[in-house]
Amino acid sequence: MANDSHASDNILQNVSPLTAFLKLTSLGFIIGVSVVGNLLISILLVKDKTLHRAPYYFLLDLCCSDILRSAICFPFVFTSVKNGSTWTYGALTCKVIAFLGVLSCFHTAFMLFCISVTRYLAIAHHRFYTKRLTFWTCLAVICMVWTLSVAMAFPPVLDVGTYSFIREEDQCTFQHRSFRANDSLGFMLLLALILLATQLVYLKLIFFVHDRRKMKPVQFVAAVSQNWTFHGPGASGQAAANWLAGFGRGPTPPTLLGIRQNANTTSRRRLLVLDEFKMEKRISRMFYIMTFLFLTLWGPYLVACYWRVFARGPVVPGGFLTAAVWMSFAQAGINPFVCIFSNRELRRCFSTTLLYCRKSRLPREPYCVI
């Protein structure tokens, strides 16, 4: 964020040692927690084969992005605070660090939007989600997100939106001035639109789940039975589903003529049941908490940026700006806590895979959706 006012420079020169100590202590804690926490989650996602599926591929990508930002960008902020809010590494290094920081921010925003879309598909169109969202599909989505993030973060390297060291923030980032003198407004508007679109997708998902919870009057319609196959308007379809999965006995039901039965009885698979549906909702809740915390922790900083762009008179208060910047730093280390405390499956895998606290439990059977 830019500052053309001499008053803010005087404030920076009078920063107390206690303020500098609190900044260094909190930032060091954020770096340690973010790197260690995201690294542990990444190791867990790679090591446990039961987590090798669509939602956790995206979570692994988010962890790698946070590690990149915490391990590379934050130490330079730490050094600048230690040196009295000064930059000693040169203009090119400043642009590279700013590029990586903005890249991580836009990557997280784009990825959270893509995750919200896949979460809606997992709940509303589970059959399509199971069949289409394979490893290669997830890899294509991840590559697309990184490409879009690079496209958003790279133009300021060529002085379009201009990266520079901002003393008030102790970091290299966008130089925000009035919208008539700088073109960084477009980047902030796009980020706000991405966050708004993500919230709208989750809102649609909430409405979908709520509509399916409405009680409807029961209408009993008689089903037709031939050798316990139960077909016709009153049939629930469970008998036909069991027959397709290889559980059925006897002749083919009339409505299933021409469809082959699964003859692989040695490795029978169970159908999608309520437990899996609840698990998908828990995963969706975890990712929504991540999205909400991203919006909450980055929100004050976005307000400060818009303040700089549109306000002509008063400058952003130093205390508010410092708190907003450090809150945006804290976002890089919050996701591991959300994963552990809001996802029962990750908690169980963490205890069995990394802590080796194995418990006797029934083996998980694969399931199919028909």
Protein backbone atom coordinates (compact mmCIF):
# COMPACT_ATOMS: atom_id res chain seq x y z
CA MET A 1 0.00 0.00 0.00
CA ALA A 2 1.38 3.40 -0.90
CA ASN A 3 1.74 6.40 1.34
CA ASP A 4 2.52 9.82 0.02
CA SER A 5 1.95 11.56 3.32
CA HIS A 6 4.82 12.85 5.44
CA ALA A 7 2.77 12.38 8.61
CA SER A 8 2.86 8.61 8.26
CA ASP A 9 6.64 8.75 7.77
CA ASN A 10 6.97 10.55 11.10
CA ILE A 11 4.85 7.90 12.74
CA LEU A 12 7.07 5.15 11.33
CA GLN A 13 10.16 6.85 12.68
CA ASN A 14 8.65 6.86 16.19
CA VAL A 15 7.77 3.15 16.38
CA SER A 16 8.37 1.97 19.91
CA PRO A 17 10.61 -1.01 20.68
CA LEU A 18 7.62 -2.74 22.26
CA THR A 19 5.67 -2.50 18.99
CA ALA A 20 8.60 -3.90 17.04
CA PHE A 21 8.97 -6.73 19.58
CA LEU A 22 5.28 -7.63 19.33
CA LYS A 23 5.47 -7.60 15.53
CA LEU A 24 8.55 -9.84 15.48
CA THR A 25 7.13 -12.25 18.07
CA SER A 26 3.73 -12.61 16.39
CA LEU A 27 5.22 -12.94 12.92
CA GLY A 28 7.72 -15.55 14.07
CA PHE A 29 4.88 -17.51 15.66
CA ILE A 30 2.83 -17.26 12.44
CA ILE A 31 5.77 -18.47 10.34
CA GLY A 32 6.42 -21.46 12.59
CA VAL A 33 2.78 -22.50 12.91
CA SER A 34 2.07 -22.05 9.21
CA VAL A 35 5.10 -23.96 7.94
CA VAL A 36 4.88 -26.82 10.45
CA GLY A 37 1.08 -27.14 10.33
CA ASN A 38 0.74 -27.07 6.56
CA LEU A 39 3.72 -29.39 6.17
CA LEU A 40 2.16 -31.95 8.52
CA ILE A 41 -1.16 -31.81 6.68
CA SER A 42 0.65 -32.18 3.34
CA ILE A 43 2.59 -35.22 4.58
CA LEU A 44 -0.65 -36.74 5.87
CA LEU A 45 -2.44 -36.21 2.55
CA VAL A 46 0.44 -37.76 0.60
CA LYS A 47 1.10 -40.67 2.95
CA ASP A 48 -2.47 -41.84 3.64
CA LYS A 49 -3.87 -43.49 0.52
CA THR A 50 -7.45 -43.25 1.79
CA LEU A 51 -7.19 -39.48 1.30
CA HIS A 52 -6.15 -39.72 -2.35
CA ARG A 53 -9.37 -38.32 -3.81
CA ALA A 54 -10.85 -35.12 -5.13
CA PRO A 55 -11.38 -32.78 -2.16
CA TYR A 56 -8.04 -33.59 -0.56
CA TYR A 57 -6.06 -32.98 -3.76
CA PHE A 58 -7.27 -29.39 -3.57
CA LEU A 59 -6.47 -29.21 0.14
CA LEU A 60 -2.92 -30.37 -0.59
CA ASP A 61 -2.57 -27.60 -3.16
CA LEU A 62 -3.77 -25.00 -0.63
CA CYS A 63 -1.22 -26.25 1.91
CA CYS A 64 1.61 -25.96 -0.61
CA SER A 65 0.57 -22.40 -1.43
CA ASP A 66 0.56 -21.41 2.25
CA ILE A 67 3.97 -23.02 2.78
CA LEU A 68 5.32 -21.05 -0.18
CA ARG A 69 4.06 -17.77 1.24
CA SER A 70 5.15 -18.47 4.82
CA ALA A 71 8.61 -19.85 4.07
CA ILE A 72 9.64 -17.33 1.39
CA CYS A 73 7.69 -14.08 1.82
CA PHE A 74 7.30 -13.77 5.59
CA PRO A 75 11.03 -13.98 6.47
CA PHE A 76 11.63 -10.85 4.37
CA VAL A 77 8.88 -9.07 6.33
CA PHE A 78 10.54 -10.26 9.53
CA THR A 79 13.87 -8.81 8.41
CA SER A 80 12.35 -5.49 7.37
CA VAL A 81 10.68 -5.08 10.78
CA LYS A 82 13.96 -5.97 12.48
CA ASN A 83 15.79 -3.33 10.40
CA GLY A 84 13.35 -0.59 11.32
CA SER A 85 10.89 -0.86 8.41
CA THR A 86 13.55 -0.62 5.73
CA TRP A 87 14.24 -2.74 2.64
CA THR A 88 17.84 -3.70 1.94
CA TYR A 89 17.56 -6.34 -0.79
CA GLY A 90 17.11 -4.31 -3.99
CA ALA A 91 14.21 -3.50 -6.29
CA LEU A 92 14.26 -6.80 -8.21
CA THR A 93 14.07 -8.89 -5.04
CA CYS A 94 11.20 -6.69 -3.86
CA LYS A 95 9.25 -7.38 -7.04
CA VAL A 96 9.87 -11.12 -6.81
CA ILE A 97 8.69 -11.29 -3.18
CA ALA A 98 5.66 -9.14 -3.95
CA PHE A 99 4.86 -11.35 -6.94
CA LEU A 100 4.96 -14.49 -4.77
CA GLY A 101 2.78 -12.91 -2.10
CA VAL A 102 0.11 -11.71 -4.53
CA LEU A 103 0.33 -15.03 -6.40
CA SER A 104 -0.45 -16.93 -3.20
CA CYS A 105 -3.36 -14.62 -2.37
CA PHE A 106 -5.03 -14.93 -5.77
CA HIS A 107 -4.30 -18.66 -5.91
CA THR A 108 -6.08 -19.23 -2.61
CA ALA A 109 -9.06 -17.16 -3.75
CA PHE A 110 -9.35 -18.96 -7.10
CA MET A 111 -8.90 -22.39 -5.50
CA LEU A 112 -11.54 -21.74 -2.84
CA PHE A 113 -13.97 -20.80 -5.61
CA CYS A 114 -13.23 -24.01 -7.54
CA ILE A 115 -13.61 -26.02 -4.34
CA SER A 116 -17.01 -24.42 -3.70
CA VAL A 117 -18.16 -25.53 -7.17
CA THR A 118 -16.93 -29.10 -6.61
CA ARG A 119 -18.60 -29.18 -3.20
CA TYR A 120 -21.90 -28.25 -4.81
CA LEU A 121 -21.44 -31.03 -7.36
CA ALA A 122 -20.58 -33.51 -4.59
CA ILE A 123 -23.87 -32.79 -2.81
CA ALA A 124 -26.28 -31.96 -5.62
CA HIS A 125 -24.88 -34.17 -8.40
CA HIS A 126 -22.99 -36.88 -6.58
CA ARG A 127 -23.05 -39.41 -9.39
CA PHE A 128 -21.52 -36.98 -11.88
CA TYR A 129 -19.01 -35.85 -9.22
CA THR A 130 -17.89 -39.42 -8.49
CA LYS A 131 -17.45 -40.38 -12.12
CA ARG A 132 -15.92 -37.19 -13.53
CA LEU A 133 -13.79 -35.69 -10.77
CA THR A 134 -10.80 -38.01 -11.10
CA PHE A 135 -7.14 -37.37 -10.33
CA TRP A 136 -6.50 -35.97 -13.80
CA THR A 137 -9.51 -33.68 -13.59
CA CYS A 138 -8.27 -32.32 -10.27
CA LEU A 139 -4.79 -31.86 -11.73
CA ALA A 140 -6.26 -29.90 -14.64
CA VAL A 141 -8.20 -27.67 -12.22
CA ILE A 142 -5.08 -27.05 -10.13
CA CYS A 143 -3.03 -26.15 -13.22
CA MET A 144 -5.79 -23.80 -14.38
CA VAL A 145 -5.86 -22.06 -10.99
CA TRP A 146 -2.08 -21.56 -10.96
CA THR A 147 -2.21 -20.21 -14.52
CA LEU A 148 -4.92 -17.68 -13.63
CA SER A 149 -3.02 -16.66 -10.49
CA VAL A 150 0.19 -16.05 -12.45
CA ALA A 151 -1.78 -14.01 -14.98
CA MET A 152 -3.09 -11.81 -12.17
CA ALA A 153 0.17 -11.45 -10.24
CA PHE A 154 2.64 -10.99 -13.10
CA PRO A 155 1.52 -7.67 -14.74
CA PRO A 156 2.70 -5.51 -11.79
CA VAL A 157 6.19 -6.94 -12.30
CA LEU A 158 6.13 -5.02 -15.59
CA ASP A 159 5.07 -1.86 -13.67
CA VAL A 160 1.36 -2.34 -14.37
CA GLY A 161 -0.02 -1.75 -10.90
CA THR A 162 3.56 -1.40 -9.60
CA TYR A 163 5.10 -3.49 -6.84
CA SER A 164 7.16 -1.61 -4.28
CA PHE A 165 8.16 -1.70 -0.63
CA ILE A 166 5.47 -0.19 1.60
CA ARG A 167 6.94 0.98 4.90
CA GLU A 168 3.58 1.12 6.67
CA GLU A 169 3.12 -2.60 5.98
CA ASP A 170 6.77 -3.70 6.24
CA GLN A 171 6.36 -5.68 3.01
CA CYS A 172 6.62 -5.48 -0.76
CA THR A 173 3.18 -5.48 -2.35
CA PHE A 174 0.85 -3.41 -4.52
CA GLN A 175 1.40 0.33 -4.44
CA HIS A 176 -2.14 1.60 -3.99
CA ARG A 177 -2.73 5.25 -4.78
CA SER A 178 -5.78 7.11 -5.98
CA PHE A 179 -7.66 5.24 -8.70
CA ARG A 180 -6.92 8.12 -11.08
CA ALA A 181 -3.15 7.74 -10.63
CA ASN A 182 -2.83 3.96 -10.34
CA ASP A 183 -4.41 0.91 -11.98
CA SER A 184 -4.43 -1.51 -9.03
CA LEU A 185 -8.18 -1.03 -8.56
CA GLY A 186 -8.95 -3.68 -11.18
CA PHE A 187 -6.97 -6.33 -9.27
CA MET A 188 -8.84 -5.59 -6.05
CA LEU A 189 -12.22 -5.62 -7.77
CA LEU A 190 -11.51 -9.02 -9.30
CA LEU A 191 -10.47 -10.42 -5.91
CA ALA A 192 -13.68 -9.08 -4.34
CA LEU A 193 -15.78 -10.61 -7.14
CA ILE A 194 -14.12 -14.01 -6.66
CA LEU A 195 -14.87 -13.95 -2.94
CA LEU A 196 -18.46 -12.88 -3.59
CA ALA A 197 -18.98 -15.64 -6.18
CA THR A 198 -17.63 -18.22 -3.72
CA GLN A 199 -20.11 -17.14 -1.07
CA LEU A 200 -22.97 -17.31 -3.60
CA VAL A 201 -22.07 -20.90 -4.53
CA TYR A 202 -22.12 -21.96 -0.88
CA LEU A 203 -25.40 -20.10 -0.41
CA LYS A 204 -26.90 -22.09 -3.29
CA LEU A 205 -25.59 -25.28 -1.69
CA ILE A 206 -27.23 -24.37 1.61
CA PHE A 207 -30.55 -23.76 -0.13
CA PHE A 208 -30.23 -27.10 -1.93
CA VAL A 209 -29.68 -29.02 1.31
CA HIS A 210 -32.47 -27.11 3.04
CA ASP A 211 -34.97 -27.87 0.28
CA ARG A 212 -34.21 -31.60 0.52
CA ARG A 213 -34.98 -31.55 4.23
CA LYS A 214 -38.60 -30.52 3.78
CA MET A 215 -41.10 -33.13 4.88
CA LYS A 216 -43.50 -34.33 2.16
CA PRO A 217 -46.71 -36.30 2.70
CA VAL A 218 -46.33 -40.01 2.24
CA GLN A 219 -48.14 -41.47 -0.76
CA PHE A 220 -48.34 -45.22 -0.71
CA VAL A 221 -48.32 -46.82 -4.17
CA ALA A 222 -48.35 -50.57 -4.54
CA ALA A 223 -45.26 -52.14 -6.11
CA VAL A 224 -45.30 -55.11 -8.47
CA SER A 225 -43.35 -58.18 -7.33
CA GLN A 226 -42.07 -61.12 -9.35
CA ASN A 227 -39.82 -63.38 -7.29
CA TRP A 228 -39.19 -60.57 -4.78
CA THR A 229 -37.83 -58.15 -7.38
CA PHE A 230 -40.35 -55.36 -6.63
CA HIS A 231 -40.68 -53.09 -9.64
CA GLY A 232 -43.25 -50.60 -10.79
CA PRO A 233 -44.38 -47.11 -9.64
CA GLY A 234 -44.40 -48.01 -5.96
CA ALA A 235 -40.93 -49.54 -5.89
CA SER A 236 -38.16 -47.63 -4.18
CA GLY A 237 -35.54 -48.92 -6.59
CA GLN A 238 -33.50 -50.57 -3.88
CA ALA A 239 -34.28 -54.08 -5.11
CA ALA A 240 -33.16 -53.17 -8.63
CA ALA A 241 -30.04 -51.51 -7.27
CA ASN A 242 -29.22 -54.57 -5.21
CA TRP A 243 -29.73 -56.77 -8.25
CA LEU A 244 -27.36 -54.63 -10.36
CA ALA A 245 -24.74 -54.71 -7.62
CA GLY A 246 -24.78 -58.52 -7.59
CA PHE A 247 -26.93 -59.15 -4.53
CA GLY A 248 -30.05 -60.27 -6.36
CA ARG A 249 -31.16 -63.83 -7.03
CA GLY A 250 -33.60 -65.25 -9.49
CA PRO A 251 -34.73 -63.98 -12.90
CA THR A 252 -34.05 -60.49 -14.22
CA PRO A 253 -36.67 -57.92 -13.18
CA PRO A 254 -38.83 -56.88 -16.17
CA THR A 255 -37.67 -53.25 -15.98
CA LEU A 256 -34.02 -54.32 -16.14
CA LEU A 257 -34.14 -56.54 -19.21
CA GLY A 258 -31.05 -56.02 -21.33
CA ILE A 259 -28.93 -54.82 -18.40
CA ARG A 260 -26.21 -57.16 -17.22
CA GLN A 261 -25.85 -58.01 -13.56
CA ASN A 262 -22.51 -57.48 -11.83
CA ALA A 263 -21.16 -61.02 -11.56
CA ASN A 264 -18.11 -60.14 -9.48
CA THR A 265 -19.41 -61.50 -6.22
CA THR A 266 -15.97 -61.92 -4.66
CA SER A 267 -15.52 -58.19 -4.17
CA ARG A 268 -19.02 -56.92 -3.62
CA ARG A 269 -19.35 -53.20 -3.11
CA ARG A 270 -21.96 -51.45 -1.10
CA LEU A 271 -24.07 -48.61 -2.41
CA LEU A 272 -23.87 -44.98 -1.39
CA VAL A 273 -25.49 -44.68 2.02
CA LEU A 274 -26.27 -41.87 4.40
CA ASP A 275 -22.83 -42.02 6.06
CA GLU A 276 -21.07 -41.02 2.85
CA PHE A 277 -23.53 -38.21 2.26
CA LYS A 278 -22.88 -36.89 5.75
CA MET A 279 -19.13 -37.15 5.15
CA GLU A 280 -19.45 -35.01 2.02
CA LYS A 281 -21.37 -32.42 4.00
CA ARG A 282 -18.69 -32.40 6.70
CA ILE A 283 -16.00 -31.83 4.07
CA SER A 284 -18.09 -29.02 2.59
CA ARG A 285 -18.43 -27.47 6.03
CA MET A 286 -14.66 -27.61 6.51
CA PHE A 287 -13.97 -25.82 3.24
CA TYR A 288 -16.63 -23.22 3.94
CA ILE A 289 -14.98 -22.44 7.28
CA MET A 290 -11.70 -21.94 5.40
CA THR A 291 -13.46 -19.62 2.94
CA PHE A 292 -15.14 -17.66 5.72
CA LEU A 293 -11.86 -17.25 7.63
CA PHE A 294 -10.09 -16.16 4.44
CA LEU A 295 -12.72 -13.47 3.94
CA THR A 296 -12.62 -12.46 7.61
CA LEU A 297 -8.82 -12.21 7.87
CA TRP A 298 -8.32 -10.51 4.52
CA GLY A 299 -11.38 -8.27 4.83
CA PRO A 300 -9.80 -5.48 6.94
CA TYR A 301 -6.80 -5.31 4.58
CA LEU A 302 -9.12 -5.01 1.56
CA VAL A 303 -10.99 -2.23 3.35
CA ALA A 304 -7.69 -0.42 3.92
CA CYS A 305 -6.77 -0.85 0.24
CA TYR A 306 -10.09 0.56 -0.96
CA TRP A 307 -9.70 3.37 1.58
CA ARG A 308 -6.41 4.34 -0.07
CA VAL A 309 -7.84 4.19 -3.56
CA PHE A 310 -11.02 6.22 -3.01
CA ALA A 311 -10.39 8.41 0.06
CA ARG A 312 -8.66 11.72 -0.59
CA GLY A 313 -8.35 13.24 2.85
CA PRO A 314 -7.42 11.17 5.93
CA VAL A 315 -4.88 8.37 5.76
CA VAL A 316 -5.50 4.88 7.12
CA PRO A 317 -4.81 4.78 10.88
CA GLY A 318 -1.50 3.06 11.61
CA GLY A 319 -2.93 0.70 14.22
CA PHE A 320 -5.74 -0.46 11.95
CA LEU A 321 -3.36 -0.99 9.03
CA THR A 322 -0.88 -2.98 11.11
CA ALA A 323 -3.64 -5.19 12.51
CA ALA A 324 -5.08 -5.73 9.03
CA VAL A 325 -1.70 -6.72 7.57
CA TRP A 326 -0.93 -9.14 10.39
CA MET A 327 -4.39 -10.67 10.11
CA SER A 328 -3.72 -11.37 6.43
CA PHE A 329 -0.45 -13.03 7.49
CA ALA A 330 -2.29 -15.18 10.04
CA GLN A 331 -4.53 -16.60 7.32
CA ALA A 332 -1.61 -18.69 6.04
CA GLY A 333 -1.48 -20.67 9.29
CA ILE A 334 -5.15 -21.10 10.13
CA ASN A 335 -6.09 -23.87 7.68
CA PRO A 336 -4.33 -26.76 9.50
CA PHE A 337 -6.36 -26.02 12.64
CA VAL A 338 -9.57 -25.95 10.62
CA CYS A 339 -8.69 -29.31 9.05
CA ILE A 340 -8.01 -31.04 12.35
CA PHE A 341 -10.86 -29.60 14.40
CA SER A 342 -13.64 -29.72 11.78
CA ASN A 343 -12.90 -32.94 9.88
CA ARG A 344 -13.32 -36.24 11.71
CA GLU A 345 -11.71 -38.24 8.92
CA LEU A 346 -8.55 -36.11 8.90
CA ARG A 347 -8.36 -36.36 12.70
CA ARG A 348 -8.54 -40.14 12.53
CA CYS A 349 -5.98 -40.35 9.72
CA PHE A 350 -3.70 -37.94 11.57
CA SER A 351 -3.73 -40.08 14.70
CA THR A 352 -3.22 -43.37 12.85
CA THR A 353 -0.75 -42.25 10.17
CA LEU A 354 1.42 -39.65 11.87
CA LEU A 355 0.92 -40.37 15.59
CA TYR A 356 0.62 -44.15 15.08
CA CYS A 357 -2.29 -44.39 17.50
CA ARG A 358 -3.99 -47.24 15.70
CA LYS A 359 -7.41 -48.38 16.79
CA SER A 360 -9.19 -51.55 15.85
CA ARG A 361 -11.92 -50.74 13.37
CA LEU A 362 -13.69 -52.40 10.49
CA PRO A 363 -12.02 -52.02 7.11
CA ARG A 364 -13.53 -49.40 4.83
CA GLU A 365 -15.22 -50.88 1.79
CA PRO A 366 -15.31 -49.03 -1.51
CA TYR A 367 -18.72 -48.02 -2.71
CA CYS A 368 -20.29 -47.18 -6.04
CA VAL A 369 -23.12 -44.93 -7.10
CA ILE A 370 -25.65 -46.39 -9.49
